[in-house]
PDB file of N, CA and C in Angstrom:
ATOM      1  N   UNK A   1    -191.717  87.857  29.879  1.00  0.00           N
ATOM      2  CA  UNK A   1    -190.198  87.892  29.633  1.00  0.00           C
ATOM      3  C   UNK A   1    -189.661  89.333  28.765  1.00  0.00           C
ATOM      4  N   UNK A   2    -190.615  90.090  28.436  1.00  0.00           N
ATOM      5  CA  UNK A   2    -190.098  91.296  27.779  1.00  0.00           C
ATOM      6  C   UNK A   2    -188.880  92.500  29.281  1.00  0.00           C
ATOM      7  N   UNK A   3    -189.719  91.866  30.531  1.00  0.00           N
ATOM      8  CA  UNK A   3    -189.418  92.371  31.573  1.00  0.00           C
ATOM      9  C   UNK A   3    -188.218  91.680  32.030  1.00  0.00           C
ATOM     10  N   UNK A   4    -188.042  90.478  32.034  1.00  0.00           N
ATOM     11  CA  UNK A   4    -186.696  89.973  32.351  1.00  0.00           C
ATOM     12  C   UNK A   4    -185.507  90.162  31.638  1.00  0.00           C
ATOM     13  N   UNK A   5    -185.642  90.370  30.119  1.00  0.00           N
ATOM     14  CA  UNK A   5    -184.940  90.858  29.285  1.00  0.00           C
ATOM     15  C   UNK A   5    -183.942  92.241  29.605  1.00  0.00           C
ATOM     16  N   UNK A   6    -185.146  93.101  29.733  1.00  0.00           N
ATOM     17  CA  UNK A   6    -184.689  94.307  30.284  1.00  0.00           C
ATOM     18  C   UNK A   6    -184.290  94.744  31.812  1.00  0.00           C
ATOM     19  N   UNK A   7    -184.181  93.665  32.301  1.00  0.00           N
ATOM     20  CA  UNK A   7    -183.252  93.805  33.913  1.00  0.00           C
ATOM     21  C   UNK A   7    -182.304  93.148  33.495  1.00  0.00           C
ATOM     22  N   UNK A   8    -181.687  92.140  32.644  1.00  0.00           N
ATOM     23  CA  UNK A   8    -180.906  91.491  32.606  1.00  0.00           C
ATOM     24  C   UNK A   8    -179.546  92.169  31.895  1.00  0.00           C
ATOM     25  N   UNK A   9    -180.595  93.170  30.980  1.00  0.00           N
ATOM     26  CA  UNK A   9    -179.810  93.904  29.837  1.00  0.00           C
ATOM     27  C   UNK A   9    -179.232  95.206  31.082  1.00  0.00           C
ATOM     28  N   UNK A  10    -179.982  95.378  32.020  1.00  0.00           N
ATOM     29  CA  UNK A  10    -179.847  97.028  33.122  1.00  0.00           C
ATOM     30  C   UNK A  10    -178.425  95.953  33.539  1.00  0.00           C
ATOM     31  N   UNK A  11    -178.471  94.989  34.490  1.00  0.00           N
ATOM     32  CA  UNK A  11    -177.497  94.338  35.131  1.00  0.00           C
ATOM     33  C   UNK A  11    -175.939  94.153  34.277  1.00  0.00           C
ATOM     34  N   UNK A  12    -176.103  93.794  32.971  1.00  0.00           N
ATOM     35  CA  UNK A  12    -175.153  93.836  32.362  1.00  0.00           C
ATOM     36  C   UNK A  12    -174.521  95.134  31.813  1.00  0.00           C
ATOM     37  N   UNK A  13    -175.364  96.286  31.701  1.00  0.00           N
ATOM     38  CA  UNK A  13    -174.972  97.415  31.384  1.00  0.00           C
ATOM     39  C   UNK A  13    -173.968  98.293  32.692  1.00  0.00           C
ATOM     40  N   UNK A  14    -174.595  97.934  33.816  1.00  0.00           N
ATOM     41  CA  UNK A  14    -174.058  98.661  34.959  1.00  0.00           C
ATOM     42  C   UNK A  14    -172.924  97.779  35.245  1.00  0.00           C
ATOM     43  N   UNK A  15    -172.088  96.394  35.060  1.00  0.00           N
ATOM     44  CA  UNK A  15    -171.435  96.032  35.267  1.00  0.00           C
ATOM     45  C   UNK A  15    -170.300  96.219  34.064  1.00  0.00           C
ATOM     46  N   UNK A  16    -170.891  96.699  32.824  1.00  0.00           N
ATOM     47  CA  UNK A  16    -170.244  97.214  31.811  1.00  0.00           C
ATOM     48  C   UNK A  16    -169.114  98.809  32.312  1.00  0.00           C
ATOM     49  N   UNK A  17    -170.618  99.210  32.433  1.00  0.00           N
ATOM     50  CA  UNK A  17    -170.301 100.674  33.575  1.00  0.00           C
ATOM     51  C   UNK A  17    -169.090 100.875  34.458  1.00  0.00           C
ATOM     52  N   UNK A  18    -168.923  99.927  35.489  1.00  0.00           N
ATOM     53  CA  UNK A  18    -167.834  99.828  36.490  1.00  0.00           C
ATOM     54  C   UNK A  18    -166.613  99.247  36.105  1.00  0.00           C
ATOM     55  N   UNK A  19    -166.847  98.247  35.086  1.00  0.00           N
ATOM     56  CA  UNK A  19    -165.720  97.946  34.554  1.00  0.00           C
ATOM     57  C   UNK A  19    -164.807  98.854  33.630  1.00  0.00           C
ATOM     58  N   UNK A  20    -166.012  99.569  32.633  1.00  0.00           N
ATOM     59  CA  UNK A  20    -165.270 100.555  31.912  1.00  0.00           C
ATOM     60  C   UNK A  20    -164.411 101.734  32.865  1.00  0.00           C
ATOM     61  N   UNK A  21    -165.358 101.933  34.030  1.00  0.00           N
ATOM     62  CA  UNK A  21    -164.461 103.142  35.483  1.00  0.00           C
ATOM     63  C   UNK A  21    -163.466 102.923  35.343  1.00  0.00           C
ATOM     64  N   UNK A  22    -163.144 101.463  35.694  1.00  0.00           N
ATOM     65  CA  UNK A  22    -161.407 100.345  36.174  1.00  0.00           C
ATOM     66  C   UNK A  22    -160.830 100.683  35.196  1.00  0.00           C
ATOM     67  N   UNK A  23    -160.989 100.432  33.930  1.00  0.00           N
ATOM     68  CA  UNK A  23    -159.920  99.945  32.957  1.00  0.00           C
ATOM     69  C   UNK A  23    -159.887 101.294  31.986  1.00  0.00           C
ATOM     70  N   UNK A  24    -161.138 101.814  31.656  1.00  0.00           N
ATOM     71  CA  UNK A  24    -160.578 103.096  30.583  1.00  0.00           C
ATOM     72  C   UNK A  24    -161.067 102.393  29.641  1.00  0.00           C
ATOM     73  N   UNK A  25    -161.131 101.502  29.030  1.00  0.00           N
ATOM     74  CA  UNK A  25    -161.549 100.911  27.849  1.00  0.00           C
ATOM     75  C   UNK A  25    -162.376 100.405  27.004  1.00  0.00           C
ATOM     76  N   UNK A  26    -163.141 100.743  26.172  1.00  0.00           N
ATOM     77  CA  UNK A  26    -164.520  99.850  26.326  1.00  0.00           C
ATOM     78  C   UNK A  26    -164.253  98.487  25.635  1.00  0.00           C
ATOM     79  N   UNK A  27    -163.548  98.223  24.731  1.00  0.00           N
ATOM     80  CA  UNK A  27    -163.049  96.727  24.467  1.00  0.00           C
ATOM     81  C   UNK A  27    -162.559  95.913  25.592  1.00  0.00           C
ATOM     82  N   UNK A  28    -161.922  96.929  26.093  1.00  0.00           N
ATOM     83  CA  UNK A  28    -161.331  95.500  27.199  1.00  0.00           C
ATOM     84  C   UNK A  28    -162.321  95.036  28.364  1.00  0.00           C
ATOM     85  N   UNK A  29    -163.748  96.204  28.635  1.00  0.00           N
ATOM     86  CA  UNK A  29    -164.341  96.348  29.033  1.00  0.00           C
ATOM     87  C   UNK A  29    -165.214  95.191  28.983  1.00  0.00           C
ATOM     88  N   UNK A  30    -165.677  95.025  27.521  1.00  0.00           N
ATOM     89  CA  UNK A  30    -166.300  94.365  26.581  1.00  0.00           C
ATOM     90  C   UNK A  30    -165.932  92.890  27.035  1.00  0.00           C
ATOM     91  N   UNK A  31    -164.543  92.702  26.623  1.00  0.00           N
ATOM     92  CA  UNK A  31    -163.758  91.616  26.886  1.00  0.00           C
ATOM     93  C   UNK A  31    -164.185  90.991  28.366  1.00  0.00           C
ATOM     94  N   UNK A  32    -163.817  91.971  29.225  1.00  0.00           N
ATOM     95  CA  UNK A  32    -164.075  91.478  30.279  1.00  0.00           C
ATOM     96  C   UNK A  32    -165.058  90.684  30.894  1.00  0.00           C
ATOM     97  N   UNK A  33    -166.006  91.808  30.652  1.00  0.00           N
ATOM     98  CA  UNK A  33    -167.647  91.285  30.586  1.00  0.00           C
ATOM     99  C   UNK A  33    -167.958  89.851  30.239  1.00  0.00           C
ATOM    100  N   UNK A  34    -167.338  89.973  28.959  1.00  0.00           N
ATOM    101  CA  UNK A  34    -167.666  88.657  28.676  1.00  0.00           C
ATOM    102  C   UNK A  34    -167.171  87.228  29.495  1.00  0.00           C
ATOM    103  N   UNK A  35    -166.005  87.775  29.586  1.00  0.00           N
ATOM    104  CA  UNK A  35    -165.226  86.477  30.498  1.00  0.00           C
ATOM    105  C   UNK A  35    -165.994  86.321  31.973  1.00  0.00           C
ATOM    106  N   UNK A  36    -166.581  87.579  32.312  1.00  0.00           N
ATOM    107  CA  UNK A  36    -167.381  87.313  33.519  1.00  0.00           C
ATOM    108  C   UNK A  36    -168.417  86.631  33.698  1.00  0.00           C
ATOM    109  N   UNK A  37    -169.240  86.978  32.460  1.00  0.00           N
ATOM    110  CA  UNK A  37    -170.416  85.715  32.142  1.00  0.00           C
ATOM    111  C   UNK A  37    -170.212  84.501  31.878  1.00  0.00           C
ATOM    112  N   UNK A  38    -168.967  84.663  31.170  1.00  0.00           N
ATOM    113  CA  UNK A  38    -168.958  83.005  30.944  1.00  0.00           C
ATOM    114  C   UNK A  38    -168.461  82.350  32.352  1.00  0.00           C
ATOM    115  N   UNK A  39    -167.570  82.937  33.590  1.00  0.00           N
ATOM    116  CA  UNK A  39    -167.448  82.211  34.593  1.00  0.00           C
ATOM    117  C   UNK A  39    -169.043  82.136  35.439  1.00  0.00           C
ATOM    118  N   UNK A  40    -169.848  83.335  34.892  1.00  0.00           N
ATOM    119  CA  UNK A  40    -171.074  82.939  36.088  1.00  0.00           C
ATOM    120  C   UNK A  40    -171.609  81.716  35.451  1.00  0.00           C
ATOM    121  N   UNK A  41    -171.617  81.448  33.969  1.00  0.00           N
ATOM    122  CA  UNK A  41    -172.100  80.549  33.607  1.00  0.00           C
ATOM    123  C   UNK A  41    -171.443  79.112  33.729  1.00  0.00           C
ATOM    124  N   UNK A  42    -170.311  79.201  33.931  1.00  0.00           N
ATOM    125  CA  UNK A  42    -169.716  77.498  34.443  1.00  0.00           C
ATOM    126  C   UNK A  42    -170.155  77.375  36.062  1.00  0.00           C
ATOM    127  N   UNK A  43    -170.149  78.645  36.476  1.00  0.00           N
ATOM    128  CA  UNK A  43    -170.380  78.365  38.094  1.00  0.00           C
ATOM    129  C   UNK A  43    -172.098  77.823  37.831  1.00  0.00           C
ATOM    130  N   UNK A  44    -173.057  78.122  37.349  1.00  0.00           N
ATOM    131  CA  UNK A  44    -174.265  77.793  37.189  1.00  0.00           C
ATOM    132  C   UNK A  44    -174.206  76.341  36.967  1.00  0.00           C
ATOM    133  N   UNK A  45    -173.350  76.075  35.792  1.00  0.00           N
ATOM    134  CA  UNK A  45    -173.376  74.869  35.433  1.00  0.00           C
ATOM    135  C   UNK A  45    -172.875  73.512  36.002  1.00  0.00           C
ATOM    136  N   UNK A  46    -171.597  74.262  37.068  1.00  0.00           N
ATOM    137  CA  UNK A  46    -171.117  73.269  37.905  1.00  0.00           C
ATOM    138  C   UNK A  46    -172.372  72.975  39.330  1.00  0.00           C
ATOM    139  N   UNK A  47    -172.784  74.099  39.939  1.00  0.00           N
ATOM    140  CA  UNK A  47    -173.966  73.963  40.411  1.00  0.00           C
ATOM    141  C   UNK A  47    -174.937  73.104  40.144  1.00  0.00           C
ATOM    142  N   UNK A  48    -175.736  73.309  39.248  1.00  0.00           N
ATOM    143  CA  UNK A  48    -176.418  72.074  38.369  1.00  0.00           C
ATOM    144  C   UNK A  48    -176.001  70.880  38.525  1.00  0.00           C
ATOM    145  N   UNK A  49    -174.958  70.663  38.089  1.00  0.00           N
ATOM    146  CA  UNK A  49    -173.936  68.915  37.814  1.00  0.00           C
ATOM    147  C   UNK A  49    -174.311  68.535  39.113  1.00  0.00           C
ATOM    148  N   UNK A  50    -173.202  69.050  40.295  1.00  0.00           N
ATOM    149  CA  UNK A  50    -173.092  69.163  41.450  1.00  0.00           C
ATOM    150  C   UNK A  50    -174.908  67.982  41.922  1.00  0.00           C
ATOM    151  N   UNK A  51    -175.607  68.546  41.662  1.00  0.00           N
ATOM    152  CA  UNK A  51    -176.908  68.318  41.932  1.00  0.00           C
ATOM    153  C   UNK A  51    -177.087  66.803  41.189  1.00  0.00           C
ATOM    154  N   UNK A  52    -177.221  66.473  40.656  1.00  0.00           N
ATOM    155  CA  UNK A  52    -177.369  65.078  39.961  1.00  0.00           C
ATOM    156  C   UNK A  52    -176.760  63.940  41.046  1.00  0.00           C
ATOM    157  N   UNK A  53    -177.278  62.977  40.781  1.00  0.00           N
ATOM    158  CA  UNK A  53    -176.871  61.271  41.972  1.00  0.00           C
ATOM    159  C   UNK A  53    -175.914  61.213  41.147  1.00  0.00           C
ATOM    160  N   UNK A  54    -175.421  61.586  39.986  1.00  0.00           N
ATOM    161  CA  UNK A  54    -174.069  60.694  39.021  1.00  0.00           C
ATOM    162  C   UNK A  54    -173.097  61.312  39.611  1.00  0.00           C
ATOM    163  N   UNK A  55    -173.105  62.248  40.478  1.00  0.00           N
ATOM    164  CA  UNK A  55    -171.667  63.065  40.492  1.00  0.00           C
ATOM    165  C   UNK A  55    -170.777  61.833  41.832  1.00  0.00           C
ATOM    166  N   UNK A  56    -171.407  61.013  42.502  1.00  0.00           N
ATOM    167  CA  UNK A  56    -170.765  60.299  42.894  1.00  0.00           C
ATOM    168  C   UNK A  56    -170.380  59.292  42.324  1.00  0.00           C
ATOM    169  N   UNK A  57    -170.720  59.107  41.208  1.00  0.00           N
ATOM    170  CA  UNK A  57    -170.250  57.774  40.243  1.00  0.00           C
ATOM    171  C   UNK A  57    -168.953  57.966  40.206  1.00  0.00           C
ATOM    172  N   UNK A  58    -168.152  56.557  39.974  1.00  0.00           N
ATOM    173  CA  UNK A  58    -166.458  57.059  39.570  1.00  0.00           C
ATOM    174  C   UNK A  58    -166.233  57.727  38.287  1.00  0.00           C
ATOM    175  N   UNK A  59    -164.897  58.487  38.187  1.00  0.00           N
ATOM    176  CA  UNK A  59    -164.702  59.375  36.975  1.00  0.00           C
ATOM    177  C   UNK A  59    -164.871  58.143  35.707  1.00  0.00           C
ATOM    178  N   UNK A  60    -164.952  58.844  34.883  1.00  0.00           N
ATOM    179  CA  UNK A  60    -165.138  58.033  33.347  1.00  0.00           C
ATOM    180  C   UNK A  60    -163.884  57.693  32.794  1.00  0.00           C
ATOM    181  N   UNK A  61    -163.871  56.871  32.125  1.00  0.00           N
ATOM    182  CA  UNK A  61    -161.855  56.692  31.351  1.00  0.00           C
ATOM    183  C   UNK A  61    -161.769  57.638  30.789  1.00  0.00           C
ATOM    184  N   UNK A  62    -162.816  58.405  29.898  1.00  0.00           N
ATOM    185  CA  UNK A  62    -162.828  59.728  29.040  1.00  0.00           C
ATOM    186  C   UNK A  62    -161.986  60.694  29.507  1.00  0.00           C
ATOM    187  N   UNK A  63    -162.341  61.215  31.100  1.00  0.00           N
ATOM    188  CA  UNK A  63    -162.382  61.760  32.083  1.00  0.00           C
ATOM    189  C   UNK A  63    -161.017  61.663  32.440  1.00  0.00           C
ATOM    190  N   UNK A  64    -160.606  60.172  32.972  1.00  0.00           N
ATOM    191  CA  UNK A  64    -159.277  60.186  33.217  1.00  0.00           C
ATOM    192  C   UNK A  64    -158.384  60.335  32.229  1.00  0.00           C
ATOM    193  N   UNK A  65    -158.519  60.004  31.143  1.00  0.00           N
ATOM    194  CA  UNK A  65    -157.783  60.352  29.748  1.00  0.00           C
ATOM    195  C   UNK A  65    -157.177  61.745  29.810  1.00  0.00           C
ATOM    196  N   UNK A  66    -158.235  62.356  29.650  1.00  0.00           N
ATOM    197  CA  UNK A  66    -157.975  63.678  29.382  1.00  0.00           C
ATOM    198  C   UNK A  66    -157.113  64.378  30.739  1.00  0.00           C
ATOM    199  N   UNK A  67    -157.944  64.164  32.075  1.00  0.00           N
ATOM    200  CA  UNK A  67    -156.613  64.288  32.896  1.00  0.00           C
ATOM    201  C   UNK A  67    -155.579  64.272  32.484  1.00  0.00           C
ATOM    202  N   UNK A  68    -154.906  63.017  32.082  1.00  0.00           N
ATOM    203  CA  UNK A  68    -153.880  62.707  32.313  1.00  0.00           C
ATOM    204  C   UNK A  68    -153.177  63.364  30.869  1.00  0.00           C
ATOM    205  N   UNK A  69    -153.971  63.996  29.943  1.00  0.00           N
ATOM    206  CA  UNK A  69    -153.647  64.543  28.603  1.00  0.00           C
ATOM    207  C   UNK A  69    -152.917  65.743  29.277  1.00  0.00           C
ATOM    208  N   UNK A  70    -153.877  66.587  30.132  1.00  0.00           N
ATOM    209  CA  UNK A  70    -153.700  68.033  31.046  1.00  0.00           C
ATOM    210  C   UNK A  70    -152.609  67.737  31.776  1.00  0.00           C
ATOM    211  N   UNK A  71    -152.307  66.682  31.813  1.00  0.00           N
ATOM    212  CA  UNK A  71    -150.880  66.519  32.869  1.00  0.00           C
ATOM    213  C   UNK A  71    -151.555  66.804  34.613  1.00  0.00           C
ATOM    214  N   UNK A  72    -152.477  66.408  34.666  1.00  0.00           N
ATOM    215  CA  UNK A  72    -153.021  66.584  36.077  1.00  0.00           C
ATOM    216  C   UNK A  72    -152.821  65.390  36.678  1.00  0.00           C
ATOM    217  N   UNK A  73    -152.363  65.281  37.900  1.00  0.00           N
ATOM    218  CA  UNK A  73    -152.272  64.156  39.446  1.00  0.00           C
ATOM    219  C   UNK A  73    -153.728  63.354  39.345  1.00  0.00           C
ATOM    220  N   UNK A  74    -154.407  62.325  39.262  1.00  0.00           N
ATOM    221  CA  UNK A  74    -155.288  61.874  39.336  1.00  0.00           C
ATOM    222  C   UNK A  74    -155.220  60.643  40.419  1.00  0.00           C
ATOM    223  N   UNK A  75    -155.672  61.634  41.627  1.00  0.00           N
ATOM    224  CA  UNK A  75    -155.927  60.833  42.818  1.00  0.00           C
ATOM    225  C   UNK A  75    -157.260  59.435  42.809  1.00  0.00           C
ATOM    226  N   UNK A  76    -156.767  58.272  43.178  1.00  0.00           N
ATOM    227  CA  UNK A  76    -157.262  57.205  43.152  1.00  0.00           C
ATOM    228  C   UNK A  76    -158.542  57.572  43.255  1.00  0.00           C
ATOM    229  N   UNK A  77    -159.912  56.594  43.184  1.00  0.00           N
ATOM    230  CA  UNK A  77    -160.870  56.816  43.574  1.00  0.00           C
ATOM    231  C   UNK A  77    -161.648  58.005  43.188  1.00  0.00           C
ATOM    232  N   UNK A  78    -161.126  58.727  42.235  1.00  0.00           N
ATOM    233  CA  UNK A  78    -161.755  60.116  41.933  1.00  0.00           C
ATOM    234  C   UNK A  78    -163.258  59.814  41.258  1.00  0.00           C
ATOM    235  N   UNK A  79    -164.092  61.011  41.606  1.00  0.00           N
ATOM    236  CA  UNK A  79    -165.474  60.808  41.623  1.00  0.00           C
ATOM    237  C   UNK A  79    -165.578  61.350  40.529  1.00  0.00           C
ATOM    238  N   UNK A  80    -167.099  61.330  39.557  1.00  0.00           N
ATOM    239  CA  UNK A  80    -167.237  62.013  38.566  1.00  0.00           C
ATOM    240  C   UNK A  80    -167.141  63.600  38.569  1.00  0.00           C
ATOM    241  N   UNK A  81    -167.552  63.753  39.789  1.00  0.00           N
ATOM    242  CA  UNK A  81    -167.880  65.233  39.642  1.00  0.00           C
ATOM    243  C   UNK A  81    -166.448  66.071  40.095  1.00  0.00           C
ATOM    244  N   UNK A  82    -165.885  65.204  40.800  1.00  0.00           N
ATOM    245  CA  UNK A  82    -164.166  65.882  41.429  1.00  0.00           C
ATOM    246  C   UNK A  82    -163.483  65.530  39.929  1.00  0.00           C
ATOM    247  N   UNK A  83    -163.756  64.846  38.913  1.00  0.00           N
ATOM    248  CA  UNK A  83    -162.529  64.695  37.942  1.00  0.00           C
ATOM    249  C   UNK A  83    -163.552  65.860  36.749  1.00  0.00           C
ATOM    250  N   UNK A  84    -164.414  66.307  36.931  1.00  0.00           N
ATOM    251  CA  UNK A  84    -164.944  67.256  36.364  1.00  0.00           C
ATOM    252  C   UNK A  84    -164.119  68.827  36.814  1.00  0.00           C
ATOM    253  N   UNK A  85    -164.420  68.977  38.266  1.00  0.00           N
ATOM    254  CA  UNK A  85    -163.963  70.136  38.726  1.00  0.00           C
ATOM    255  C   UNK A  85    -162.498  70.335  38.424  1.00  0.00           C
ATOM    256  N   UNK A  86    -161.403  68.952  37.773  1.00  0.00           N
ATOM    257  CA  UNK A  86    -160.032  68.613  37.657  1.00  0.00           C
ATOM    258  C   UNK A  86    -160.015  69.582  37.049  1.00  0.00           C
ATOM    259  N   UNK A  87    -161.007  69.044  35.906  1.00  0.00           N
ATOM    260  CA  UNK A  87    -160.629  69.333  34.510  1.00  0.00           C
ATOM    261  C   UNK A  87    -160.966  71.359  33.924  1.00  0.00           C
ATOM    262  N   UNK A  88    -162.345  71.382  34.862  1.00  0.00           N
ATOM    263  CA  UNK A  88    -162.174  72.784  34.713  1.00  0.00           C
ATOM    264  C   UNK A  88    -161.541  73.638  35.460  1.00  0.00           C
ATOM    265  N   UNK A  89    -160.501  73.343  36.309  1.00  0.00           N
ATOM    266  CA  UNK A  89    -159.205  73.871  36.895  1.00  0.00           C
ATOM    267  C   UNK A  89    -158.055  74.073  35.916  1.00  0.00           C
ATOM    268  N   UNK A  90    -157.716  72.904  35.483  1.00  0.00           N
ATOM    269  CA  UNK A  90    -156.533  72.737  34.779  1.00  0.00           C
ATOM    270  C   UNK A  90    -156.816  73.136  33.101  1.00  0.00           C
ATOM    271  N   UNK A  91    -157.983  73.392  32.708  1.00  0.00           N
ATOM    272  CA  UNK A  91    -158.465  74.002  31.034  1.00  0.00           C
ATOM    273  C   UNK A  91    -158.165  75.467  31.787  1.00  0.00           C
ATOM    274  N   UNK A  92    -159.132  75.826  33.004  1.00  0.00           N
ATOM    275  CA  UNK A  92    -158.809  77.593  33.423  1.00  0.00           C
ATOM    276  C   UNK A  92    -157.270  77.858  33.367  1.00  0.00           C
ATOM    277  N   UNK A  93    -156.379  77.131  34.174  1.00  0.00           N
ATOM    278  CA  UNK A  93    -154.927  77.252  34.158  1.00  0.00           C
ATOM    279  C   UNK A  93    -154.548  77.317  33.018  1.00  0.00           C
ATOM    280  N   UNK A  94    -154.915  76.896  32.071  1.00  0.00           N
ATOM    281  CA  UNK A  94    -154.376  76.762  30.625  1.00  0.00           C
ATOM    282  C   UNK A  94    -154.772  78.057  29.937  1.00  0.00           C
ATOM    283  N   UNK A  95    -155.585  78.260  29.844  1.00  0.00           N
ATOM    284  CA  UNK A  95    -156.148  79.378  29.554  1.00  0.00           C
ATOM    285  C   UNK A  95    -155.476  80.660  29.733  1.00  0.00           C
ATOM    286  N   UNK A  96    -155.230  81.193  30.845  1.00  0.00           N
ATOM    287  CA  UNK A  96    -154.626  81.973  30.858  1.00  0.00           C
ATOM    288  C   UNK A  96    -153.027  82.588  30.340  1.00  0.00           C
TER     289      UNK A  96
END
């Protein structure tokens, strides 16, 4: 366990150093590293979710309602997986 934590810390510190060299500011580098970590986690969650057998089921009413609130055009026969991906894309755009 200790080795795993150290290895992960080394990866993050190396990434931080590379970002800091590019932006020239510790605070900006820290924020960017945090966003990269979030993006990596979301990608991991998407990968895990895609393997679930429920991903081909129809989108839920809650997903469809949320997509409509986000102003997303909802295609016919949208699956849970597709709805989830559209929600991720729409919320990412809204965050910019």
